[in-house]
Amino acid sequence: QAGLSAEKKRVLGLILVYNPHRGEYDERLLLGAV
């Protein structure tokens, strides 16, 4: 599970970089995942 969680964070991190318009939304997902 830890590996999957790290992978998700990597993917979401990339999403934040490539989709600045949705950065706030994706950031909320990261906070919610934790």
C-alpha atoms as a PDB file:
ATOM      1  CA  GLN A   1       0.000   0.000   0.000  1.00  0.00           C
ATOM      2  CA  ALA A   2       2.856   2.356   0.814  1.00  0.00           C
ATOM      3  CA  GLY A   3       4.246   1.903  -2.707  1.00  0.00           C
ATOM      4  CA  LEU A   4       0.874   2.643  -4.285  1.00  0.00           C
ATOM      5  CA  SER A   5       0.460   5.705  -2.086  1.00  0.00           C
ATOM      6  CA  ALA A   6       3.874   7.026  -3.125  1.00  0.00           C
ATOM      7  CA  GLU A   7       3.021   6.387  -6.770  1.00  0.00           C
ATOM      8  CA  LYS A   8      -0.265   8.263  -6.407  1.00  0.00           C
ATOM      9  CA  LYS A   9       1.549  11.218  -4.865  1.00  0.00           C
ATOM     10  CA  ARG A  10       4.017  11.184  -7.776  1.00  0.00           C
ATOM     11  CA  VAL A  11       1.201  11.144 -10.326  1.00  0.00           C
ATOM     12  CA  LEU A  12      -0.808  13.820  -8.534  1.00  0.00           C
ATOM     13  CA  GLY A  13       2.375  15.867  -8.184  1.00  0.00           C
ATOM     14  CA  LEU A  14       2.842  15.708 -11.953  1.00  0.00           C
ATOM     15  CA  ILE A  15      -0.802  16.672 -12.428  1.00  0.00           C
ATOM     16  CA  LEU A  16      -0.214  19.743 -10.265  1.00  0.00           C
ATOM     17  CA  VAL A  17       2.701  20.706 -12.488  1.00  0.00           C
ATOM     18  CA  TYR A  18       0.918  20.113 -15.794  1.00  0.00           C
ATOM     19  CA  ASN A  19      -2.469  21.466 -14.729  1.00  0.00           C
ATOM     20  CA  PRO A  20      -1.875  24.687 -12.775  1.00  0.00           C
ATOM     21  CA  HIS A  21      -5.499  25.670 -13.371  1.00  0.00           C
ATOM     22  CA  ARG A  22      -6.604  22.653 -11.339  1.00  0.00           C
ATOM     23  CA  GLY A  23      -3.739  22.913  -8.858  1.00  0.00           C
ATOM     24  CA  GLU A  24      -6.006  23.935  -5.999  1.00  0.00           C
ATOM     25  CA  TYR A  25      -8.382  21.046  -6.688  1.00  0.00           C
ATOM     26  CA  ASP A  26      -5.600  18.464  -6.957  1.00  0.00           C
ATOM     27  CA  GLU A  27      -3.917  19.817  -3.846  1.00  0.00           C
ATOM     28  CA  ARG A  28      -7.136  19.185  -1.920  1.00  0.00           C
ATOM     29  CA  LEU A  29      -7.039  15.585  -3.152  1.00  0.00           C
ATOM     30  CA  LEU A  30      -3.497  15.224  -1.798  1.00  0.00           C
ATOM     31  CA  LEU A  31      -4.526  16.609   1.580  1.00  0.00           C
ATOM     32  CA  GLY A  32      -7.559  14.352   1.624  1.00  0.00           C
ATOM     33  CA  ALA A  33      -5.443  11.307   0.751  1.00  0.00           C
ATOM     34  CA  VAL A  34      -3.282  11.954   3.795  1.00  0.00           C
END
